[in-house]
PDB file of N, CA and C in Angstrom:
ATOM      1  N   UNK A   1      12.669  27.315 -41.992  1.00  0.00           N
ATOM      2  CA  UNK A   1      13.136  27.267 -40.796  1.00  0.00           C
ATOM      3  C   UNK A   1      14.544  27.964 -40.902  1.00  0.00           C
ATOM      4  N   UNK A   2      14.872  28.773 -39.785  1.00  0.00           N
ATOM      5  CA  UNK A   2      15.981  29.651 -39.986  1.00  0.00           C
ATOM      6  C   UNK A   2      17.314  28.865 -39.567  1.00  0.00           C
ATOM      7  N   UNK A   3      17.319  27.755 -39.102  1.00  0.00           N
ATOM      8  CA  UNK A   3      18.477  26.799 -38.565  1.00  0.00           C
ATOM      9  C   UNK A   3      18.808  25.660 -39.687  1.00  0.00           C
ATOM     10  N   UNK A   4      20.006  25.560 -40.049  1.00  0.00           N
ATOM     11  CA  UNK A   4      20.239  24.336 -40.802  1.00  0.00           C
ATOM     12  C   UNK A   4      20.467  23.168 -40.005  1.00  0.00           C
ATOM     13  N   UNK A   5      20.525  21.948 -40.673  1.00  0.00           N
ATOM     14  CA  UNK A   5      20.629  20.656 -40.041  1.00  0.00           C
ATOM     15  C   UNK A   5      21.873  20.608 -39.314  1.00  0.00           C
ATOM     16  N   UNK A   6      22.971  21.185 -39.821  1.00  0.00           N
ATOM     17  CA  UNK A   6      24.223  21.057 -39.144  1.00  0.00           C
ATOM     18  C   UNK A   6      24.184  21.786 -37.693  1.00  0.00           C
ATOM     19  N   UNK A   7      23.431  22.939 -37.662  1.00  0.00           N
ATOM     20  CA  UNK A   7      23.330  23.553 -36.355  1.00  0.00           C
ATOM     21  C   UNK A   7      22.211  23.054 -35.556  1.00  0.00           C
ATOM     22  N   UNK A   8      21.180  22.283 -35.911  1.00  0.00           N
ATOM     23  CA  UNK A   8      20.090  21.602 -35.152  1.00  0.00           C
ATOM     24  C   UNK A   8      20.476  20.344 -34.669  1.00  0.00           C
ATOM     25  N   UNK A   9      21.420  19.521 -35.215  1.00  0.00           N
ATOM     26  CA  UNK A   9      21.593  18.264 -34.818  1.00  0.00           C
ATOM     27  C   UNK A   9      22.034  17.961 -33.264  1.00  0.00           C
ATOM     28  N   UNK A  10      23.007  18.882 -32.717  1.00  0.00           N
ATOM     29  CA  UNK A  10      23.161  18.636 -31.364  1.00  0.00           C
ATOM     30  C   UNK A  10      21.832  18.851 -30.478  1.00  0.00           C
ATOM     31  N   UNK A  11      21.098  19.779 -30.833  1.00  0.00           N
ATOM     32  CA  UNK A  11      19.783  19.950 -30.031  1.00  0.00           C
ATOM     33  C   UNK A  11      18.843  18.856 -30.341  1.00  0.00           C
ATOM     34  N   UNK A  12      18.645  18.310 -31.391  1.00  0.00           N
ATOM     35  CA  UNK A  12      17.920  16.972 -31.682  1.00  0.00           C
ATOM     36  C   UNK A  12      18.552  15.796 -31.085  1.00  0.00           C
ATOM     37  N   UNK A  13      19.827  15.773 -31.042  1.00  0.00           N
ATOM     38  CA  UNK A  13      20.405  14.631 -30.237  1.00  0.00           C
ATOM     39  C   UNK A  13      20.340  14.606 -28.825  1.00  0.00           C
ATOM     40  N   UNK A  14      20.279  15.890 -28.190  1.00  0.00           N
ATOM     41  CA  UNK A  14      20.078  16.101 -26.826  1.00  0.00           C
ATOM     42  C   UNK A  14      18.620  15.801 -26.394  1.00  0.00           C
ATOM     43  N   UNK A  15      17.814  16.231 -27.306  1.00  0.00           N
ATOM     44  CA  UNK A  15      16.321  15.971 -27.036  1.00  0.00           C
ATOM     45  C   UNK A  15      15.999  14.367 -27.102  1.00  0.00           C
ATOM     46  N   UNK A  16      16.653  13.701 -27.916  1.00  0.00           N
ATOM     47  CA  UNK A  16      16.558  12.251 -28.209  1.00  0.00           C
ATOM     48  C   UNK A  16      17.170  11.474 -26.996  1.00  0.00           C
ATOM     49  N   UNK A  17      18.217  11.888 -26.328  1.00  0.00           N
ATOM     50  CA  UNK A  17      18.881  11.372 -25.295  1.00  0.00           C
ATOM     51  C   UNK A  17      17.998  11.491 -23.972  1.00  0.00           C
ATOM     52  N   UNK A  18      17.436  12.731 -23.749  1.00  0.00           N
ATOM     53  CA  UNK A  18      16.590  13.051 -22.739  1.00  0.00           C
ATOM     54  C   UNK A  18      15.213  12.103 -22.772  1.00  0.00           C
ATOM     55  N   UNK A  19      14.673  12.043 -24.054  1.00  0.00           N
ATOM     56  CA  UNK A  19      13.562  11.222 -24.208  1.00  0.00           C
ATOM     57  C   UNK A  19      13.903   9.624 -23.807  1.00  0.00           C
ATOM     58  N   UNK A  20      14.822   9.189 -24.352  1.00  0.00           N
ATOM     59  CA  UNK A  20      15.435   7.701 -24.017  1.00  0.00           C
ATOM     60  C   UNK A  20      15.551   7.660 -22.443  1.00  0.00           C
ATOM     61  N   UNK A  21      16.295   8.448 -22.050  1.00  0.00           N
ATOM     62  CA  UNK A  21      16.513   8.348 -20.480  1.00  0.00           C
ATOM     63  C   UNK A  21      15.354   8.289 -19.726  1.00  0.00           C
ATOM     64  N   UNK A  22      14.205   9.241 -20.134  1.00  0.00           N
ATOM     65  CA  UNK A  22      13.089   9.316 -19.524  1.00  0.00           C
ATOM     66  C   UNK A  22      12.280   8.034 -19.491  1.00  0.00           C
ATOM     67  N   UNK A  23      12.199   7.570 -20.582  1.00  0.00           N
ATOM     68  CA  UNK A  23      11.467   6.232 -21.024  1.00  0.00           C
ATOM     69  C   UNK A  23      12.162   5.117 -20.151  1.00  0.00           C
ATOM     70  N   UNK A  24      13.458   5.101 -20.191  1.00  0.00           N
ATOM     71  CA  UNK A  24      14.291   3.831 -19.573  1.00  0.00           C
ATOM     72  C   UNK A  24      14.351   3.868 -18.133  1.00  0.00           C
ATOM     73  N   UNK A  25      14.513   5.139 -17.572  1.00  0.00           N
ATOM     74  CA  UNK A  25      14.803   5.467 -16.067  1.00  0.00           C
ATOM     75  C   UNK A  25      13.544   5.770 -15.349  1.00  0.00           C
ATOM     76  N   UNK A  26      12.922   6.937 -15.709  1.00  0.00           N
ATOM     77  CA  UNK A  26      12.023   7.573 -15.097  1.00  0.00           C
ATOM     78  C   UNK A  26      10.698   6.879 -15.065  1.00  0.00           C
ATOM     79  N   UNK A  27      10.191   6.443 -16.329  1.00  0.00           N
ATOM     80  CA  UNK A  27       8.926   5.602 -16.394  1.00  0.00           C
ATOM     81  C   UNK A  27       8.848   4.531 -15.567  1.00  0.00           C
ATOM     82  N   UNK A  28       9.753   3.536 -15.539  1.00  0.00           N
ATOM     83  CA  UNK A  28       9.683   2.432 -14.588  1.00  0.00           C
ATOM     84  C   UNK A  28       9.604   2.936 -13.099  1.00  0.00           C
ATOM     85  N   UNK A  29      10.325   3.877 -12.795  1.00  0.00           N
ATOM     86  CA  UNK A  29      10.364   4.290 -11.229  1.00  0.00           C
ATOM     87  C   UNK A  29       9.114   4.844 -11.021  1.00  0.00           C
ATOM     88  N   UNK A  30       8.380   5.682 -11.888  1.00  0.00           N
ATOM     89  CA  UNK A  30       7.161   6.233 -11.720  1.00  0.00           C
ATOM     90  C   UNK A  30       5.984   4.944 -11.534  1.00  0.00           C
ATOM     91  N   UNK A  31       6.127   4.051 -12.365  1.00  0.00           N
ATOM     92  CA  UNK A  31       5.197   2.811 -12.344  1.00  0.00           C
ATOM     93  C   UNK A  31       5.316   2.125 -10.893  1.00  0.00           C
ATOM     94  N   UNK A  32       6.564   1.932 -10.522  1.00  0.00           N
ATOM     95  CA  UNK A  32       6.775   1.180  -9.240  1.00  0.00           C
ATOM     96  C   UNK A  32       6.235   1.923  -8.041  1.00  0.00           C
ATOM     97  N   UNK A  33       6.461   3.322  -8.263  1.00  0.00           N
ATOM     98  CA  UNK A  33       5.928   4.109  -7.097  1.00  0.00           C
ATOM     99  C   UNK A  33       4.503   4.186  -6.940  1.00  0.00           C
ATOM    100  N   UNK A  34       3.857   4.093  -8.206  1.00  0.00           N
ATOM    101  CA  UNK A  34       2.284   4.166  -8.401  1.00  0.00           C
ATOM    102  C   UNK A  34       1.896   2.815  -7.735  1.00  0.00           C
ATOM    103  N   UNK A  35       2.411   1.633  -8.260  1.00  0.00           N
ATOM    104  CA  UNK A  35       2.052   0.281  -7.685  1.00  0.00           C
ATOM    105  C   UNK A  35       2.182   0.309  -6.121  1.00  0.00           C
ATOM    106  N   UNK A  36       3.176   0.922  -5.663  1.00  0.00           N
ATOM    107  CA  UNK A  36       3.385   0.886  -4.120  1.00  0.00           C
ATOM    108  C   UNK A  36       2.216   1.614  -3.494  1.00  0.00           C
ATOM    109  N   UNK A  37       2.081   2.747  -4.111  1.00  0.00           N
ATOM    110  CA  UNK A  37       0.969   3.547  -3.506  1.00  0.00           C
ATOM    111  C   UNK A  37      -0.454   2.821  -3.595  1.00  0.00           C
ATOM    112  N   UNK A  38      -0.716   2.275  -4.545  1.00  0.00           N
ATOM    113  CA  UNK A  38      -1.803   1.511  -4.836  1.00  0.00           C
ATOM    114  C   UNK A  38      -2.005   0.454  -3.814  1.00  0.00           C
ATOM    115  N   UNK A  39      -0.942  -0.316  -3.469  1.00  0.00           N
ATOM    116  CA  UNK A  39      -1.000  -1.442  -2.406  1.00  0.00           C
ATOM    117  C   UNK A  39      -0.974  -0.871  -1.085  1.00  0.00           C
ATOM    118  N   UNK A  40      -0.405   0.220  -0.904  1.00  0.00           N
ATOM    119  CA  UNK A  40      -0.675   0.925   0.364  1.00  0.00           C
ATOM    120  C   UNK A  40      -2.048   1.409   0.745  1.00  0.00           C
ATOM    121  N   UNK A  41      -2.786   1.874  -0.395  1.00  0.00           N
ATOM    122  CA  UNK A  41      -4.130   2.257  -0.204  1.00  0.00           C
ATOM    123  C   UNK A  41      -4.919   0.930   0.044  1.00  0.00           C
ATOM    124  N   UNK A  42      -4.590  -0.182  -0.607  1.00  0.00           N
ATOM    125  CA  UNK A  42      -5.468  -1.465  -0.333  1.00  0.00           C
ATOM    126  C   UNK A  42      -5.102  -1.899   1.170  1.00  0.00           C
ATOM    127  N   UNK A  43      -4.021  -1.833   1.429  1.00  0.00           N
ATOM    128  CA  UNK A  43      -3.618  -2.150   2.957  1.00  0.00           C
ATOM    129  C   UNK A  43      -4.267  -1.379   4.028  1.00  0.00           C
ATOM    130  N   UNK A  44      -4.329  -0.097   3.592  1.00  0.00           N
ATOM    131  CA  UNK A  44      -4.853   0.804   4.453  1.00  0.00           C
ATOM    132  C   UNK A  44      -6.364   0.636   4.562  1.00  0.00           C
ATOM    133  N   UNK A  45      -7.022   0.300   3.626  1.00  0.00           N
ATOM    134  CA  UNK A  45      -8.609   0.238   3.527  1.00  0.00           C
ATOM    135  C   UNK A  45      -8.768  -1.079   4.321  1.00  0.00           C
ATOM    136  N   UNK A  46      -8.152  -2.198   4.114  1.00  0.00           N
ATOM    137  CA  UNK A  46      -8.300  -3.449   4.980  1.00  0.00           C
ATOM    138  C   UNK A  46      -7.992  -3.163   6.369  1.00  0.00           C
ATOM    139  N   UNK A  47      -7.079  -2.292   6.796  1.00  0.00           N
ATOM    140  CA  UNK A  47      -6.867  -1.988   8.147  1.00  0.00           C
ATOM    141  C   UNK A  47      -7.860  -1.223   8.661  1.00  0.00           C
ATOM    142  N   UNK A  48      -8.442  -0.188   8.119  1.00  0.00           N
ATOM    143  CA  UNK A  48      -9.694   0.576   8.612  1.00  0.00           C
ATOM    144  C   UNK A  48     -10.750  -0.297   8.809  1.00  0.00           C
ATOM    145  N   UNK A  49     -11.239  -1.299   7.825  1.00  0.00           N
ATOM    146  CA  UNK A  49     -12.206  -2.027   7.836  1.00  0.00           C
ATOM    147  C   UNK A  49     -12.091  -3.033   9.090  1.00  0.00           C
ATOM    148  N   UNK A  50     -10.912  -3.578   9.247  1.00  0.00           N
ATOM    149  CA  UNK A  50     -10.661  -4.488  10.409  1.00  0.00           C
ATOM    150  C   UNK A  50     -10.724  -3.865  11.666  1.00  0.00           C
ATOM    151  N   UNK A  51     -10.251  -2.511  11.713  1.00  0.00           N
ATOM    152  CA  UNK A  51     -10.421  -1.705  13.046  1.00  0.00           C
ATOM    153  C   UNK A  51     -11.932  -1.539  13.420  1.00  0.00           C
ATOM    154  N   UNK A  52     -12.713  -1.205  12.283  1.00  0.00           N
ATOM    155  CA  UNK A  52     -14.225  -1.006  12.609  1.00  0.00           C
ATOM    156  C   UNK A  52     -14.789  -2.331  13.184  1.00  0.00           C
ATOM    157  N   UNK A  53     -14.387  -3.315  12.546  1.00  0.00           N
ATOM    158  CA  UNK A  53     -14.887  -4.714  12.942  1.00  0.00           C
ATOM    159  C   UNK A  53     -14.521  -5.040  14.385  1.00  0.00           C
ATOM    160  N   UNK A  54     -13.273  -4.643  14.771  1.00  0.00           N
ATOM    161  CA  UNK A  54     -12.820  -4.905  16.137  1.00  0.00           C
ATOM    162  C   UNK A  54     -13.541  -4.000  17.073  1.00  0.00           C
ATOM    163  N   UNK A  55     -13.905  -2.753  16.714  1.00  0.00           N
ATOM    164  CA  UNK A  55     -14.645  -1.829  17.547  1.00  0.00           C
ATOM    165  C   UNK A  55     -16.089  -2.437  17.862  1.00  0.00           C
ATOM    166  N   UNK A  56     -16.530  -3.036  16.793  1.00  0.00           N
ATOM    167  CA  UNK A  56     -18.005  -3.610  16.987  1.00  0.00           C
ATOM    168  C   UNK A  56     -17.765  -4.813  17.873  1.00  0.00           C
ATOM    169  N   UNK A  57     -16.878  -5.670  17.613  1.00  0.00           N
ATOM    170  CA  UNK A  57     -16.611  -6.984  18.617  1.00  0.00           C
ATOM    171  C   UNK A  57     -16.363  -6.433  19.898  1.00  0.00           C
ATOM    172  N   UNK A  58     -15.669  -5.583  20.201  1.00  0.00           N
ATOM    173  CA  UNK A  58     -15.273  -5.089  21.578  1.00  0.00           C
ATOM    174  C   UNK A  58     -16.555  -4.464  22.173  1.00  0.00           C
ATOM    175  N   UNK A  59     -17.566  -3.886  21.419  1.00  0.00           N
ATOM    176  CA  UNK A  59     -18.721  -3.446  21.938  1.00  0.00           C
ATOM    177  C   UNK A  59     -19.649  -4.319  22.345  1.00  0.00           C
ATOM    178  N   UNK A  60     -19.705  -5.483  21.525  1.00  0.00           N
ATOM    179  CA  UNK A  60     -20.543  -6.751  21.880  1.00  0.00           C
ATOM    180  C   UNK A  60     -19.911  -7.531  23.150  1.00  0.00           C
ATOM    181  N   UNK A  61     -18.629  -7.456  23.044  1.00  0.00           N
ATOM    182  CA  UNK A  61     -17.974  -8.007  24.192  1.00  0.00           C
ATOM    183  C   UNK A  61     -18.328  -7.603  25.565  1.00  0.00           C
ATOM    184  N   UNK A  62     -18.396  -6.274  25.714  1.00  0.00           N
ATOM    185  CA  UNK A  62     -18.599  -5.504  26.874  1.00  0.00           C
ATOM    186  C   UNK A  62     -20.098  -5.649  27.238  1.00  0.00           C
ATOM    187  N   UNK A  63     -20.927  -5.670  26.114  1.00  0.00           N
ATOM    188  CA  UNK A  63     -22.237  -5.837  26.263  1.00  0.00           C
ATOM    189  C   UNK A  63     -22.556  -7.222  26.814  1.00  0.00           C
ATOM    190  N   UNK A  64     -22.053  -8.338  26.309  1.00  0.00           N
ATOM    191  CA  UNK A  64     -22.256  -9.580  26.730  1.00  0.00           C
ATOM    192  C   UNK A  64     -21.626  -9.832  28.179  1.00  0.00           C
ATOM    193  N   UNK A  65     -20.625  -9.140  28.435  1.00  0.00           N
ATOM    194  CA  UNK A  65     -20.006  -9.451  29.767  1.00  0.00           C
ATOM    195  C   UNK A  65     -21.038  -8.835  30.901  1.00  0.00           C
ATOM    196  N   UNK A  66     -21.515  -7.666  30.538  1.00  0.00           N
ATOM    197  CA  UNK A  66     -22.565  -6.933  31.404  1.00  0.00           C
ATOM    198  C   UNK A  66     -23.738  -7.924  31.705  1.00  0.00           C
ATOM    199  N   UNK A  67     -24.225  -8.595  30.656  1.00  0.00           N
ATOM    200  CA  UNK A  67     -25.305  -9.433  30.767  1.00  0.00           C
ATOM    201  C   UNK A  67     -24.993 -10.718  31.479  1.00  0.00           C
ATOM    202  N   UNK A  68     -23.669 -10.993  31.779  1.00  0.00           N
ATOM    203  CA  UNK A  68     -23.280 -12.395  32.396  1.00  0.00           C
ATOM    204  C   UNK A  68     -23.121 -13.538  31.353  1.00  0.00           C
ATOM    205  N   UNK A  69     -23.086 -13.190  30.116  1.00  0.00           N
ATOM    206  CA  UNK A  69     -22.997 -14.191  29.253  1.00  0.00           C
ATOM    207  C   UNK A  69     -21.438 -14.695  28.935  1.00  0.00           C
ATOM    208  N   UNK A  70     -21.281 -15.781  28.271  1.00  0.00           N
ATOM    209  CA  UNK A  70     -19.802 -16.218  28.027  1.00  0.00           C
ATOM    210  C   UNK A  70     -19.312 -15.250  27.100  1.00  0.00           C
ATOM    211  N   UNK A  71     -18.019 -14.858  27.280  1.00  0.00           N
ATOM    212  CA  UNK A  71     -17.139 -14.106  26.334  1.00  0.00           C
ATOM    213  C   UNK A  71     -16.104 -14.594  25.797  1.00  0.00           C
ATOM    214  N   UNK A  72     -15.880 -15.881  25.898  1.00  0.00           N
ATOM    215  CA  UNK A  72     -14.635 -16.367  25.361  1.00  0.00           C
ATOM    216  C   UNK A  72     -14.597 -16.389  24.007  1.00  0.00           C
ATOM    217  N   UNK A  73     -15.620 -16.629  23.289  1.00  0.00           N
ATOM    218  CA  UNK A  73     -15.524 -16.388  21.719  1.00  0.00           C
ATOM    219  C   UNK A  73     -15.122 -14.999  21.253  1.00  0.00           C
ATOM    220  N   UNK A  74     -15.616 -14.067  21.995  1.00  0.00           N
ATOM    221  CA  UNK A  74     -15.330 -12.552  21.750  1.00  0.00           C
ATOM    222  C   UNK A  74     -13.877 -12.420  21.978  1.00  0.00           C
ATOM    223  N   UNK A  75     -13.382 -12.791  23.138  1.00  0.00           N
ATOM    224  CA  UNK A  75     -11.995 -12.693  23.364  1.00  0.00           C
ATOM    225  C   UNK A  75     -11.026 -13.188  22.197  1.00  0.00           C
ATOM    226  N   UNK A  76     -11.350 -14.623  21.781  1.00  0.00           N
ATOM    227  CA  UNK A  76     -10.742 -15.056  20.726  1.00  0.00           C
ATOM    228  C   UNK A  76     -10.691 -14.441  19.640  1.00  0.00           C
ATOM    229  N   UNK A  77     -11.858 -13.747  19.111  1.00  0.00           N
ATOM    230  CA  UNK A  77     -12.149 -13.040  17.995  1.00  0.00           C
ATOM    231  C   UNK A  77     -11.206 -11.815  18.085  1.00  0.00           C
ATOM    232  N   UNK A  78     -11.171 -11.187  19.149  1.00  0.00           N
ATOM    233  CA  UNK A  78     -10.468 -10.074  19.474  1.00  0.00           C
ATOM    234  C   UNK A  78      -8.890 -10.112  19.326  1.00  0.00           C
ATOM    235  N   UNK A  79      -8.485 -11.310  19.817  1.00  0.00           N
ATOM    236  CA  UNK A  79      -7.069 -11.750  19.661  1.00  0.00           C
ATOM    237  C   UNK A  79      -6.737 -11.787  18.117  1.00  0.00           C
ATOM    238  N   UNK A  80      -7.616 -12.545  17.526  1.00  0.00           N
ATOM    239  CA  UNK A  80      -7.411 -12.896  15.981  1.00  0.00           C
ATOM    240  C   UNK A  80      -7.460 -11.517  15.195  1.00  0.00           C
ATOM    241  N   UNK A  81      -8.375 -10.474  15.597  1.00  0.00           N
ATOM    242  CA  UNK A  81      -8.272  -9.339  14.932  1.00  0.00           C
ATOM    243  C   UNK A  81      -7.139  -8.489  15.080  1.00  0.00           C
ATOM    244  N   UNK A  82      -6.650  -8.461  16.339  1.00  0.00           N
ATOM    245  CA  UNK A  82      -5.450  -7.739  16.746  1.00  0.00           C
ATOM    246  C   UNK A  82      -4.277  -8.326  16.103  1.00  0.00           C
ATOM    247  N   UNK A  83      -4.159  -9.623  15.724  1.00  0.00           N
ATOM    248  CA  UNK A  83      -2.977 -10.324  15.014  1.00  0.00           C
ATOM    249  C   UNK A  83      -3.117  -9.595  13.532  1.00  0.00           C
ATOM    250  N   UNK A  84      -4.359  -9.669  12.965  1.00  0.00           N
ATOM    251  CA  UNK A  84      -4.392  -9.387  11.484  1.00  0.00           C
ATOM    252  C   UNK A  84      -4.116  -7.848  11.456  1.00  0.00           C
ATOM    253  N   UNK A  85      -4.551  -7.008  12.480  1.00  0.00           N
ATOM    254  CA  UNK A  85      -4.234  -5.672  12.472  1.00  0.00           C
ATOM    255  C   UNK A  85      -2.723  -5.353  12.365  1.00  0.00           C
ATOM    256  N   UNK A  86      -2.013  -6.048  13.345  1.00  0.00           N
ATOM    257  CA  UNK A  86      -0.454  -6.023  13.531  1.00  0.00           C
ATOM    258  C   UNK A  86       0.020  -6.324  12.155  1.00  0.00           C
ATOM    259  N   UNK A  87      -0.382  -7.532  11.529  1.00  0.00           N
ATOM    260  CA  UNK A  87       0.171  -7.860  10.173  1.00  0.00           C
ATOM    261  C   UNK A  87       0.099  -6.799   9.115  1.00  0.00           C
ATOM    262  N   UNK A  88      -1.249  -6.169   9.093  1.00  0.00           N
ATOM    263  CA  UNK A  88      -1.436  -5.119   8.108  1.00  0.00           C
ATOM    264  C   UNK A  88      -0.666  -3.852   8.374  1.00  0.00           C
ATOM    265  N   UNK A  89      -0.457  -3.496   9.688  1.00  0.00           N
ATOM    266  CA  UNK A  89       0.368  -2.379  10.158  1.00  0.00           C
ATOM    267  C   UNK A  89       1.581  -2.484   9.721  1.00  0.00           C
ATOM    268  N   UNK A  90       2.240  -3.762   9.796  1.00  0.00           N
ATOM    269  CA  UNK A  90       3.703  -4.007   9.569  1.00  0.00           C
ATOM    270  C   UNK A  90       3.917  -3.896   8.061  1.00  0.00           C
ATOM    271  N   UNK A  91       2.965  -4.483   7.188  1.00  0.00           N
ATOM    272  CA  UNK A  91       3.043  -4.490   5.769  1.00  0.00           C
ATOM    273  C   UNK A  91       3.088  -3.037   5.303  1.00  0.00           C
ATOM    274  N   UNK A  92       2.118  -2.152   5.910  1.00  0.00           N
ATOM    275  CA  UNK A  92       2.043  -0.844   5.478  1.00  0.00           C
ATOM    276  C   UNK A  92       3.282  -0.061   5.870  1.00  0.00           C
ATOM    277  N   UNK A  93       3.857  -0.342   7.009  1.00  0.00           N
ATOM    278  CA  UNK A  93       5.091   0.302   7.260  1.00  0.00           C
ATOM    279  C   UNK A  93       6.211   0.046   6.506  1.00  0.00           C
ATOM    280  N   UNK A  94       6.364  -1.304   6.162  1.00  0.00           N
ATOM    281  CA  UNK A  94       7.350  -1.883   5.242  1.00  0.00           C
ATOM    282  C   UNK A  94       7.287  -1.247   3.796  1.00  0.00           C
ATOM    283  N   UNK A  95       6.009  -1.096   3.200  1.00  0.00           N
ATOM    284  CA  UNK A  95       5.880  -0.458   2.010  1.00  0.00           C
ATOM    285  C   UNK A  95       6.196   0.875   2.134  1.00  0.00           C
ATOM    286  N   UNK A  96       5.729   1.762   3.112  1.00  0.00           N
ATOM    287  CA  UNK A  96       6.044   3.061   3.218  1.00  0.00           C
ATOM    288  C   UNK A  96       7.603   3.397   3.263  1.00  0.00           C
ATOM    289  N   UNK A  97       8.339   2.566   3.958  1.00  0.00           N
ATOM    290  CA  UNK A  97       9.765   2.697   4.077  1.00  0.00           C
ATOM    291  C   UNK A  97      10.419   2.186   2.679  1.00  0.00           C
ATOM    292  N   UNK A  98       9.721   1.145   2.014  1.00  0.00           N
ATOM    293  CA  UNK A  98      10.416   0.680   0.827  1.00  0.00           C
ATOM    294  C   UNK A  98      11.269  -0.435   1.132  1.00  0.00           C
ATOM    295  N   UNK A  99      11.125  -1.094   2.353  1.00  0.00           N
ATOM    296  CA  UNK A  99      11.995  -2.104   2.810  1.00  0.00           C
ATOM    297  C   UNK A  99      11.787  -3.346   2.094  1.00  0.00           C
ATOM    298  N   UNK A 100      10.521  -3.561   1.443  1.00  0.00           N
ATOM    299  CA  UNK A 100      10.033  -4.844   0.919  1.00  0.00           C
ATOM    300  C   UNK A 100       9.690  -4.692  -0.407  1.00  0.00           C
ATOM    301  N   UNK A 101       9.962  -5.845  -1.278  1.00  0.00           N
ATOM    302  CA  UNK A 101       9.598  -5.665  -2.573  1.00  0.00           C
ATOM    303  C   UNK A 101       8.012  -5.856  -2.698  1.00  0.00           C
ATOM    304  N   UNK A 102       7.426  -5.502  -3.830  1.00  0.00           N
ATOM    305  CA  UNK A 102       6.030  -5.500  -4.041  1.00  0.00           C
ATOM    306  C   UNK A 102       5.476  -6.850  -3.968  1.00  0.00           C
ATOM    307  N   UNK A 103       6.299  -7.880  -4.412  1.00  0.00           N
ATOM    308  CA  UNK A 103       5.907  -9.237  -4.352  1.00  0.00           C
ATOM    309  C   UNK A 103       5.722  -9.984  -3.034  1.00  0.00           C
ATOM    310  N   UNK A 104       6.521  -9.373  -2.050  1.00  0.00           N
ATOM    311  CA  UNK A 104       6.576  -9.890  -0.861  1.00  0.00           C
ATOM    312  C   UNK A 104       5.234  -9.513   0.108  1.00  0.00           C
ATOM    313  N   UNK A 105       4.408  -8.581  -0.378  1.00  0.00           N
ATOM    314  CA  UNK A 105       3.296  -8.008   0.368  1.00  0.00           C
ATOM    315  C   UNK A 105       2.084  -8.659  -0.336  1.00  0.00           C
ATOM    316  N   UNK A 106       1.528  -9.598   0.569  1.00  0.00           N
ATOM    317  CA  UNK A 106       0.232 -10.178  -0.115  1.00  0.00           C
ATOM    318  C   UNK A 106      -0.903  -9.495   0.358  1.00  0.00           C
ATOM    319  N   UNK A 107      -1.764  -9.008  -0.584  1.00  0.00           N
ATOM    320  CA  UNK A 107      -2.997  -8.340  -0.296  1.00  0.00           C
ATOM    321  C   UNK A 107      -4.084  -9.471  -0.329  1.00  0.00           C
ATOM    322  N   UNK A 108      -4.903  -9.589   0.701  1.00  0.00           N
ATOM    323  CA  UNK A 108      -5.907 -10.653   0.906  1.00  0.00           C
ATOM    324  C   UNK A 108      -7.179 -10.136   0.553  1.00  0.00           C
ATOM    325  N   UNK A 109      -7.992 -10.569  -0.404  1.00  0.00           N
ATOM    326  CA  UNK A 109      -9.390 -10.139  -0.573  1.00  0.00           C
ATOM    327  C   UNK A 109     -10.309 -10.733   0.351  1.00  0.00           C
ATOM    328  N   UNK A 110     -10.876 -10.027   1.261  1.00  0.00           N
ATOM    329  CA  UNK A 110     -11.814 -10.797   2.308  1.00  0.00           C
ATOM    330  C   UNK A 110     -13.280 -10.626   1.651  1.00  0.00           C
TER     331      UNK A 110
END
């Protein structure tokens, strides 16, 4: 090797400092970002599933209303779904902005 240790040690020291900085600062930030994105994906998936369920309930609501059947149960179910959709939308927006810590968002498995 053409360089002596006395000439190489500043370079080695700099490389070691960069490696330690990356491990201490950048890796935890990347892991937090990745965990946030995963939670956002789960919340978004739940939101889309509930939106499809709401669409189906709304279809059956109008179908029952045309037939002259009672629609109170459908109305209650729609209100419940709308509340859940609002909660999921707020959770997603809070995660997107970074306003909330990861432990504050509870992902429910239905």
